[in-house]
Amino acid sequence: MGCFGCFERKRSGRSKPSSSALSPLSTSRSDDSGAPGRHAGTSSGSAATTTTTTTTTLSSPRSLPSLYEERAHNLRAFEFKELRSATDGFSRQLKIGEGGFGCVYRGSIKAHNGNTNTAVAVKKLNHNSLQGHKQWLAEVQFLGVVEHPNLVKLIGYCAVDGERGCQRLLVYEFMPNKSLDDHLFNKVYPSLPWNVRLQIALGAAEGLTYLHEGVEVQVIYRDFKASNVLLDEEFKPKLSDFGLAREGPSPGNTHVSTAVMGTYGYAAPDYIETGHLTAKSDVWSFGVVLYEILTGRKSTERNRPRNEQKLLDWVKRYPVESRRFGQIMDPRLENQYSMRAAREIAKLANICLSKNARDRPKMSEAVESIKQAMQFQEMDGCTDAVEGNLAKATEVDRETKDEQEAGSTESLRRRMLHLAKLNESANVVGRRKFMLMNVADPL
């Protein structure tokens, strides 16, 4: 997964629900040096220095553990056999994702009333997982506390310790349109129109704003990247995977000191160098993803010429205000976008990527900048070339390895049609505003 730091824990004993799964972490600001994570490294390939955090949750009137205890009843505790049945024995045919933590399966569970079935995503931690029990528990805690339209909903969990090892599973709402990463970088999936990309950027920014400013306890996401931005049936974004999330600094402190963890190419350089984690670390990561949305390129691509492998270095050759700026835009957009809106997004990305963390905006300020870009888009207007791709939907679907279930061709066609509908609705508004402006200004 291209991430930093790795540890894991194993437990054995009789098969029974794990008591630790039902209670919050003993402290939400404990040192991450003993936390499970991913393989260590920095941009130079050396291991990051681990520092000790400030343990002062007592000074906070409402800590994460207390919030979790208050809201834990909203989560459903599943039996392992129930989730095994829901995923047809964790069938490979139902596997929709895989990483260092284990696998994610599509499943179907019965509602509490037992009358209806609900599609879910079941994340199953493998026994040799790089994510580990502590990150699993952190995700249960954070998602058990937060609630926002742009955060994936955690439905419940399963924790069983047995003679064959521990079982740790998480059950989320199912996101049918996979991730932003899939649609930006995997040519098998239909390209996202410009209007939809702006909506996704806005929703992701609003999700981060909620974590930083809308919860009683500040939450630092610490692993913002395109693959963690999932898309629902309306292509609305929801942040997922809170295994690396941390509670923000306690009152009187400016940062949380911690071992460096995250994904290479997205972690802020000041965080990598010092281990000082702040909300501005997330802002840097957001800036990286904004450039991915603009260019259709990943933060790091080893298969490109050497001077193009690092996205942030490459885009510097095309300044925002220069005539050459348009050369960085994703060719899959087929020039169907507002240049003013694109420049506004690039300007925001540049500010988010400020070397000095204090110069980076708050995510609430980023939200306003994206809204400004969307206004430019509406005033300028454009017709994204989605209709031309509809005829290719069937051929694309045949090449899709993940779409193995019956009816997958129709599913992809509906996805393309829905993208076209979303884009058409946005363009109607833009054309209407453009016409009103022409009527109002006879010059």
Protein backbone atom coordinates (compact mmCIF):
# COMPACT_ATOMS: atom_id res chain seq x y z
CA MET A 1 0.00 0.00 0.00
CA GLY A 2 3.03 2.28 -0.03
CA CYS A 3 2.66 3.36 3.58
CA PHE A 4 4.91 3.99 6.58
CA GLY A 5 5.55 1.90 9.73
CA CYS A 6 4.29 -1.65 10.55
CA PHE A 7 3.38 -3.67 13.54
CA GLU A 8 0.69 -6.16 14.32
CA ARG A 9 -0.76 -8.04 17.27
CA LYS A 10 -2.02 -11.57 17.59
CA ARG A 11 -4.15 -13.06 20.30
CA SER A 12 -5.18 -16.58 21.09
CA GLY A 13 -7.59 -18.30 23.38
CA ARG A 14 -11.10 -19.63 23.39
CA SER A 15 -13.48 -18.42 20.76
CA LYS A 16 -15.31 -15.47 22.26
CA PRO A 17 -16.05 -11.82 21.56
CA SER A 18 -13.04 -9.64 22.32
CA SER A 19 -13.64 -7.38 25.28
CA SER A 20 -11.27 -4.79 23.84
CA ALA A 21 -13.55 -4.39 20.86
CA LEU A 22 -16.31 -3.19 23.12
CA SER A 23 -14.29 -0.56 24.93
CA PRO A 24 -12.36 2.46 23.69
CA LEU A 25 -8.60 2.74 23.58
CA SER A 26 -7.02 3.40 26.95
CA THR A 27 -5.70 6.68 25.59
CA SER A 28 -6.29 8.38 22.30
CA ARG A 29 -2.91 10.11 22.25
CA SER A 30 -0.65 7.15 22.94
CA ASP A 31 2.65 6.88 21.07
CA ASP A 32 2.25 5.43 17.60
CA SER A 33 5.63 3.77 17.76
CA GLY A 34 3.93 0.66 19.04
CA ALA A 35 0.89 1.07 16.85
CA PRO A 36 0.26 -1.13 13.85
CA GLY A 37 0.90 0.55 10.54
CA ARG A 38 2.74 0.06 7.29
CA HIS A 39 6.27 -0.23 5.99
CA ALA A 40 8.47 2.59 7.17
CA GLY A 41 10.14 5.10 4.93
CA THR A 42 10.51 8.70 3.86
CA SER A 43 11.20 10.27 0.50
CA SER A 44 14.88 9.37 0.95
CA GLY A 45 14.05 5.81 1.90
CA SER A 46 15.18 6.14 5.52
CA ALA A 47 13.03 5.25 8.51
CA ALA A 48 11.17 8.12 10.11
CA THR A 49 12.12 9.16 13.62
CA THR A 50 9.61 8.18 16.27
CA THR A 51 8.73 10.69 18.96
CA THR A 52 6.56 10.55 22.03
CA THR A 53 3.17 12.21 22.10
CA THR A 54 1.68 14.44 24.70
CA THR A 55 -0.60 12.39 26.96
CA THR A 56 -3.03 14.93 28.32
CA THR A 57 -6.52 13.72 27.59
CA LEU A 58 -7.54 14.59 31.14
CA SER A 59 -7.36 18.28 30.28
CA SER A 60 -9.96 17.82 27.56
CA PRO A 61 -13.54 17.99 28.84
CA ARG A 62 -14.71 15.58 26.12
CA SER A 63 -12.16 13.02 24.97
CA LEU A 64 -12.62 10.53 22.16
CA PRO A 65 -13.10 7.56 24.52
CA SER A 66 -15.89 9.35 26.38
CA LEU A 67 -17.62 10.25 23.12
CA TYR A 68 -17.30 6.66 21.95
CA GLU A 69 -18.81 5.28 25.14
CA GLU A 70 -21.73 7.63 24.65
CA ARG A 71 -22.40 6.63 21.05
CA ALA A 72 -21.15 3.03 20.84
CA HIS A 73 -24.71 1.72 21.06
CA ASN A 74 -25.24 2.93 17.48
CA LEU A 75 -22.85 0.25 16.21
CA ARG A 76 -24.00 -3.30 15.60
CA ALA A 77 -21.95 -6.22 16.97
CA PHE A 78 -21.98 -9.05 14.41
CA GLU A 79 -21.31 -12.73 14.89
CA PHE A 80 -18.50 -14.08 12.72
CA LYS A 81 -20.75 -16.74 11.22
CA GLU A 82 -23.24 -14.02 10.25
CA LEU A 83 -20.63 -12.16 8.21
CA ARG A 84 -19.26 -15.37 6.74
CA SER A 85 -22.74 -16.18 5.51
CA ALA A 86 -23.29 -12.60 4.28
CA THR A 87 -20.23 -12.88 2.02
CA ASP A 88 -20.87 -16.45 0.86
CA GLY A 89 -17.94 -17.73 2.89
CA PHE A 90 -15.77 -14.74 1.94
CA SER A 91 -16.05 -15.76 -1.68
CA ARG A 92 -13.39 -14.55 -4.11
CA GLN A 93 -16.22 -13.69 -6.47
CA LEU A 94 -17.41 -11.08 -3.96
CA LYS A 95 -13.99 -9.60 -3.21
CA ILE A 96 -13.99 -5.91 -4.13
CA GLY A 97 -10.70 -4.75 -2.60
CA GLU A 98 -7.44 -5.90 -1.10
CA GLY A 99 -4.60 -4.27 0.83
CA GLY A 100 -2.08 -4.76 3.60
CA PHE A 101 -4.91 -5.02 6.13
CA GLY A 102 -6.66 -7.89 4.36
CA CYS A 103 -9.61 -8.03 1.96
CA VAL A 104 -12.91 -6.23 1.46
CA TYR A 105 -15.96 -8.19 0.34
CA ARG A 106 -19.38 -7.21 -0.84
CA GLY A 107 -22.07 -8.75 1.32
CA SER A 108 -25.72 -8.64 2.20
CA ILE A 109 -27.05 -8.49 5.75
CA LYS A 110 -30.53 -8.51 7.16
CA ALA A 111 -31.82 -5.40 8.86
CA HIS A 112 -32.73 -5.55 12.53
CA ASN A 113 -36.36 -6.18 11.60
CA GLY A 114 -35.21 -9.18 9.55
CA ASN A 115 -37.43 -8.25 6.60
CA THR A 116 -35.02 -6.45 4.30
CA ASN A 117 -31.48 -7.03 3.06
CA THR A 118 -28.84 -4.32 2.93
CA ALA A 119 -25.74 -4.30 0.73
CA VAL A 120 -22.58 -3.81 2.79
CA ALA A 121 -18.81 -3.86 2.48
CA VAL A 122 -17.07 -6.22 4.91
CA LYS A 123 -13.40 -5.57 5.67
CA LYS A 124 -11.73 -8.73 7.00
CA LEU A 125 -8.39 -8.32 8.74
CA ASN A 126 -6.02 -11.14 7.84
CA HIS A 127 -3.91 -12.79 10.52
CA ASN A 128 -0.69 -11.25 9.22
CA SER A 129 -2.25 -7.84 8.66
CA LEU A 130 -0.15 -4.70 8.47
CA GLN A 131 -3.06 -2.74 9.88
CA GLY A 132 -3.34 -4.71 13.10
CA HIS A 133 -5.73 -4.71 16.00
CA LYS A 134 -4.93 -1.21 17.24
CA GLN A 135 -5.74 0.44 13.93
CA TRP A 136 -8.87 -1.69 13.65
CA LEU A 137 -9.95 -0.48 17.07
CA ALA A 138 -9.10 3.13 16.20
CA GLU A 139 -11.34 2.90 13.15
CA VAL A 140 -14.19 1.52 15.25
CA GLN A 141 -13.76 4.39 17.68
CA PHE A 142 -13.52 7.23 15.21
CA LEU A 143 -16.30 6.06 12.90
CA GLY A 144 -18.40 5.27 15.95
CA VAL A 145 -18.19 8.93 16.97
CA VAL A 146 -18.31 10.91 13.71
CA GLU A 147 -21.33 11.33 11.46
CA HIS A 148 -21.34 13.34 8.24
CA PRO A 149 -22.69 12.90 4.67
CA ASN A 150 -19.12 12.84 3.35
CA LEU A 151 -17.81 10.16 5.71
CA VAL A 152 -18.45 6.48 5.10
CA LYS A 153 -20.86 5.02 7.62
CA LEU A 154 -19.66 2.22 9.88
CA ILE A 155 -22.57 -0.15 10.48
CA GLY A 156 -20.85 -2.48 12.92
CA TYR A 157 -17.95 -4.78 13.70
CA CYS A 158 -17.00 -8.32 14.67
CA ALA A 159 -14.24 -9.30 17.10
CA VAL A 160 -13.64 -12.93 18.05
CA ASP A 161 -10.55 -14.46 19.67
CA GLY A 162 -10.19 -18.20 19.16
CA GLU A 163 -7.72 -21.06 19.02
CA ARG A 164 -7.19 -20.43 15.32
CA GLY A 165 -6.37 -16.79 15.92
CA CYS A 166 -8.30 -13.56 16.22
CA GLN A 167 -10.95 -12.40 13.79
CA ARG A 168 -11.39 -8.67 13.27
CA LEU A 169 -13.96 -7.38 10.81
CA LEU A 170 -15.64 -4.07 10.02
CA VAL A 171 -18.97 -3.61 8.25
CA TYR A 172 -19.56 -0.44 6.22
CA GLU A 173 -22.24 0.91 3.96
CA PHE A 174 -21.62 -0.30 0.41
CA MET A 175 -20.25 2.24 -2.08
CA PRO A 176 -21.16 1.00 -5.58
CA ASN A 177 -18.98 3.34 -7.64
CA LYS A 178 -15.70 2.33 -6.03
CA SER A 179 -13.12 5.09 -5.44
CA LEU A 180 -11.87 8.35 -6.90
CA ASP A 181 -8.59 6.55 -7.52
CA ASP A 182 -10.33 4.00 -9.75
CA HIS A 183 -11.98 6.63 -11.94
CA LEU A 184 -8.92 8.88 -12.22
CA PHE A 185 -6.20 6.32 -12.88
CA ASN A 186 -7.80 3.09 -14.08
CA LYS A 187 -8.68 3.44 -17.76
CA VAL A 188 -11.13 0.56 -17.41
CA TYR A 189 -13.52 2.90 -15.60
CA PRO A 190 -15.31 5.79 -17.29
CA SER A 191 -13.64 9.17 -16.95
CA LEU A 192 -15.25 11.58 -14.51
CA PRO A 193 -16.62 14.75 -16.15
CA TRP A 194 -15.22 18.06 -14.92
CA ASN A 195 -18.39 19.04 -13.07
CA VAL A 196 -18.40 15.76 -11.18
CA ARG A 197 -14.73 16.18 -10.27
CA LEU A 198 -15.51 19.57 -8.73
CA GLN A 199 -18.38 18.07 -6.75
CA ILE A 200 -16.11 15.32 -5.46
CA ALA A 201 -13.42 17.83 -4.45
CA LEU A 202 -16.04 19.89 -2.61
CA GLY A 203 -17.51 16.90 -0.78
CA ALA A 204 -14.09 15.63 0.28
CA ALA A 205 -13.18 19.11 1.54
CA GLU A 206 -16.40 19.30 3.53
CA GLY A 207 -15.67 15.91 5.06
CA LEU A 208 -12.23 17.06 6.20
CA THR A 209 -13.69 20.34 7.46
CA TYR A 210 -16.07 18.37 9.65
CA LEU A 211 -13.24 16.27 11.09
CA HIS A 212 -11.08 19.32 11.81
CA GLU A 213 -13.73 21.77 12.98
CA GLY A 214 -17.09 20.06 13.40
CA VAL A 215 -16.44 17.41 16.06
CA GLU A 216 -16.05 18.05 19.79
CA VAL A 217 -12.64 16.40 19.54
CA GLN A 218 -10.55 17.42 16.53
CA VAL A 219 -9.78 14.47 14.27
CA ILE A 220 -6.69 14.41 12.05
CA TYR A 221 -7.32 12.00 9.19
CA ARG A 222 -3.63 11.38 8.37
CA ASP A 223 -4.20 9.27 5.25
CA PHE A 224 -6.12 11.41 2.76
CA LYS A 225 -5.66 10.09 -0.78
CA ALA A 226 -7.78 9.33 -3.83
CA SER A 227 -8.16 5.62 -2.99
CA ASN A 228 -9.73 6.56 0.36
CA VAL A 229 -12.38 8.73 -1.31
CA LEU A 230 -15.24 6.34 -2.08
CA LEU A 231 -18.15 7.18 -4.39
CA ASP A 232 -21.80 6.31 -3.73
CA GLU A 233 -24.51 5.66 -6.33
CA GLU A 234 -24.77 9.43 -6.99
CA PHE A 235 -20.97 9.81 -7.21
CA LYS A 236 -20.97 11.72 -3.94
CA PRO A 237 -17.66 11.28 -2.11
CA LYS A 238 -17.23 9.71 1.31
CA LEU A 239 -13.94 9.44 3.18
CA SER A 240 -13.06 5.92 4.33
CA ASP A 241 -10.33 4.01 6.20
CA PHE A 242 -9.80 5.75 9.53
CA GLY A 243 -7.19 3.30 10.79
CA LEU A 244 -4.50 6.00 10.92
CA ALA A 245 -6.72 8.81 12.25
CA ARG A 246 -5.58 10.59 15.39
CA GLU A 247 -7.16 12.83 17.95
CA GLY A 248 -5.86 16.38 17.54
CA PRO A 249 -3.57 18.18 20.00
CA SER A 250 -4.84 18.75 23.53
CA PRO A 251 -5.54 22.31 24.73
CA GLY A 252 -2.36 24.35 24.96
CA ASN A 253 -0.46 22.22 22.44
CA THR A 254 0.11 23.04 18.79
CA HIS A 255 0.63 19.52 17.50
CA VAL A 256 0.68 15.82 18.27
CA SER A 257 4.15 14.25 18.20
CA THR A 258 3.98 10.81 16.67
CA ALA A 259 5.73 8.25 14.53
CA VAL A 260 5.35 9.10 10.86
CA MET A 261 2.57 7.08 9.26
CA GLY A 262 0.65 7.61 6.06
CA THR A 263 1.13 7.04 2.35
CA TYR A 264 4.22 7.96 0.37
CA GLY A 265 3.53 10.89 -1.95
CA TYR A 266 0.73 12.30 0.20
CA ALA A 267 2.32 12.91 3.62
CA ALA A 268 3.31 16.52 4.35
CA PRO A 269 7.10 17.07 4.31
CA ASP A 270 7.08 18.89 7.66
CA TYR A 271 5.29 15.92 9.24
CA ILE A 272 7.81 13.48 7.72
CA GLU A 273 10.75 15.54 8.97
CA THR A 274 9.55 16.28 12.52
CA GLY A 275 6.76 13.85 13.38
CA HIS A 276 4.64 16.87 14.33
CA LEU A 277 1.09 16.11 13.26
CA THR A 278 -1.53 18.87 12.80
CA ALA A 279 -4.68 19.39 10.77
CA LYS A 280 -2.49 21.21 8.25
CA SER A 281 -0.90 17.82 7.49
CA ASP A 282 -4.26 16.79 6.01
CA VAL A 283 -4.40 20.06 4.05
CA TRP A 284 -1.14 19.20 2.29
CA SER A 285 -2.53 15.79 1.30
CA PHE A 286 -5.66 17.48 -0.01
CA GLY A 287 -3.51 19.70 -2.24
CA VAL A 288 -1.86 16.63 -3.74
CA VAL A 289 -5.24 15.08 -4.57
CA LEU A 290 -6.43 18.34 -6.15
CA TYR A 291 -3.58 18.11 -8.64
CA GLU A 292 -4.46 14.46 -9.27
CA ILE A 293 -8.01 15.56 -10.07
CA LEU A 294 -6.70 18.21 -12.48
CA THR A 295 -4.13 16.06 -14.24
CA GLY A 296 -5.39 12.50 -14.04
CA ARG A 297 -1.90 11.53 -12.81
CA LYS A 298 -0.89 9.88 -9.55
CA SER A 299 1.38 11.66 -7.10
CA THR A 300 4.15 9.28 -8.11
CA GLU A 301 4.33 7.29 -11.36
CA ARG A 302 7.55 5.34 -11.90
CA ASN A 303 6.64 4.36 -15.46
CA ARG A 304 6.93 7.95 -16.74
CA PRO A 305 10.10 9.80 -17.83
CA ARG A 306 12.25 10.67 -14.84
CA ASN A 307 11.38 14.38 -14.92
CA GLU A 308 7.66 13.52 -14.86
CA GLN A 309 7.59 10.82 -12.20
CA LYS A 310 6.80 13.15 -9.30
CA LEU A 311 3.56 15.00 -9.95
CA LEU A 312 4.30 18.04 -7.79
CA ASP A 313 7.66 18.62 -9.48
CA TRP A 314 6.15 18.21 -12.93
CA VAL A 315 3.27 20.70 -12.50
CA LYS A 316 5.72 23.40 -11.38
CA ARG A 317 6.87 23.61 -14.99
CA TYR A 318 3.41 24.89 -15.95
CA PRO A 319 2.60 27.90 -13.71
CA VAL A 320 -1.05 28.62 -13.04
CA GLU A 321 -1.07 31.98 -14.82
CA SER A 322 1.00 30.87 -17.80
CA ARG A 323 -0.38 29.96 -21.20
CA ARG A 324 1.15 26.52 -20.80
CA PHE A 325 -0.98 25.72 -17.74
CA GLY A 326 -3.56 23.85 -19.82
CA GLN A 327 -0.94 21.24 -20.71
CA ILE A 328 -1.25 19.65 -17.27
CA MET A 329 -4.99 19.01 -17.61
CA ASP A 330 -6.21 15.42 -17.85
CA PRO A 331 -6.53 14.57 -21.58
CA ARG A 332 -9.54 12.38 -20.74
CA LEU A 333 -11.45 15.62 -20.09
CA GLU A 334 -11.11 16.31 -23.83
CA ASN A 335 -10.74 20.05 -23.17
CA GLN A 336 -14.27 20.21 -21.77
CA TYR A 337 -13.78 22.33 -18.66
CA SER A 338 -13.67 25.96 -17.56
CA MET A 339 -10.09 27.24 -17.62
CA ARG A 340 -10.92 29.80 -14.94
CA ALA A 341 -12.26 27.06 -12.68
CA ALA A 342 -9.20 24.89 -13.34
CA ARG A 343 -6.86 27.76 -12.48
CA GLU A 344 -8.79 28.43 -9.27
CA ILE A 345 -8.40 24.79 -8.21
CA ALA A 346 -4.67 24.88 -9.04
CA LYS A 347 -4.22 28.07 -7.02
CA LEU A 348 -5.92 26.40 -4.07
CA ALA A 349 -3.71 23.33 -4.48
CA ASN A 350 -0.60 25.52 -4.44
CA ILE A 351 -1.65 27.20 -1.20
CA CYS A 352 -2.43 23.82 0.37
CA LEU A 353 1.07 22.73 -0.63
CA SER A 354 2.80 25.67 1.06
CA LYS A 355 6.10 24.59 2.61
CA ASN A 356 5.24 26.36 5.87
CA ALA A 357 2.25 24.63 7.44
CA ARG A 358 1.01 27.92 8.91
CA ASP A 359 0.57 29.32 5.39
CA ARG A 360 -1.82 26.54 4.39
CA PRO A 361 -5.54 27.33 4.58
CA LYS A 362 -8.03 25.71 6.89
CA MET A 363 -10.23 23.18 5.14
CA SER A 364 -13.25 25.45 5.65
CA GLU A 365 -11.39 28.07 3.59
CA ALA A 366 -10.63 25.45 0.95
CA VAL A 367 -14.36 24.73 0.73
CA GLU A 368 -15.03 28.37 -0.14
CA SER A 369 -12.33 28.37 -2.82
CA ILE A 370 -13.84 25.29 -4.47
CA LYS A 371 -17.27 26.92 -4.42
CA GLN A 372 -15.74 29.92 -6.19
CA ALA A 373 -14.32 27.61 -8.85
CA MET A 374 -17.75 26.05 -9.29
CA GLN A 375 -19.23 29.51 -9.83
CA PHE A 376 -16.68 30.13 -12.59
CA GLN A 377 -17.68 26.81 -14.10
CA GLU A 378 -21.35 27.76 -14.09
CA MET A 379 -20.69 31.18 -15.64
CA ASP A 380 -18.33 29.93 -18.33
CA GLY A 381 -20.26 26.77 -19.11
CA CYS A 382 -19.03 23.73 -21.00
CA THR A 383 -20.38 20.46 -22.33
CA ASP A 384 -18.31 17.54 -21.13
CA ALA A 385 -17.91 14.75 -23.66
CA VAL A 386 -19.73 12.01 -21.79
CA GLU A 387 -22.23 11.04 -24.48
CA GLY A 388 -19.42 9.96 -26.81
CA ASN A 389 -18.24 7.46 -24.23
CA LEU A 390 -21.62 5.79 -23.79
CA ALA A 391 -21.17 3.60 -26.85
CA LYS A 392 -17.95 2.26 -25.35
CA ALA A 393 -19.58 1.19 -22.09
CA THR A 394 -20.21 -2.40 -23.16
CA GLU A 395 -16.66 -2.89 -24.46
CA VAL A 396 -15.16 -1.34 -21.32
CA ASP A 397 -17.29 -3.59 -19.16
CA ARG A 398 -15.91 -6.73 -20.84
CA GLU A 399 -12.41 -5.64 -19.84
CA THR A 400 -13.36 -4.95 -16.24
CA LYS A 401 -11.89 -7.70 -14.09
CA ASP A 402 -13.73 -6.59 -10.98
CA GLU A 403 -17.15 -6.73 -12.63
CA GLN A 404 -17.63 -10.51 -12.56
CA GLU A 405 -21.24 -10.77 -11.46
CA ALA A 406 -24.09 -11.24 -13.91
CA GLY A 407 -25.50 -7.98 -15.14
CA SER A 408 -22.21 -6.09 -14.79
CA THR A 409 -22.50 -4.65 -18.31
CA GLU A 410 -25.83 -3.10 -17.47
CA SER A 411 -24.37 -1.81 -14.20
CA LEU A 412 -21.54 0.00 -15.97
CA ARG A 413 -23.92 1.39 -18.61
CA ARG A 414 -26.15 2.78 -15.86
CA ARG A 415 -23.07 4.29 -14.25
CA MET A 416 -22.14 6.08 -17.49
CA LEU A 417 -25.70 7.27 -18.06
CA HIS A 418 -25.87 8.56 -14.52
CA LEU A 419 -22.64 10.50 -14.98
CA ALA A 420 -24.09 12.01 -18.14
CA LYS A 421 -27.26 12.97 -16.29
CA LEU A 422 -25.32 14.60 -13.47
CA ASN A 423 -23.25 16.53 -15.97
CA GLU A 424 -26.28 17.59 -18.02
CA SER A 425 -28.02 18.95 -14.93
CA ALA A 426 -24.98 21.00 -13.98
CA ASN A 427 -24.59 22.37 -17.51
CA VAL A 428 -28.25 23.40 -17.73
CA VAL A 429 -27.72 25.58 -14.68
CA GLY A 430 -24.54 27.00 -16.18
CA ARG A 431 -26.19 27.81 -19.54
CA ARG A 432 -29.15 29.43 -17.79
CA LYS A 433 -26.86 31.71 -15.79
CA PHE A 434 -24.83 32.51 -18.91
CA MET A 435 -27.98 33.51 -20.81
CA LEU A 436 -29.15 35.69 -17.94
CA MET A 437 -25.80 37.48 -17.96
CA ASN A 438 -26.09 38.17 -21.71
CA VAL A 439 -29.60 39.55 -21.33
CA ALA A 440 -28.56 41.78 -18.46
CA ASP A 441 -25.55 43.17 -20.33
CA PRO A 442 -26.52 44.36 -23.85
CA LEU A 443 -22.90 45.42 -24.44
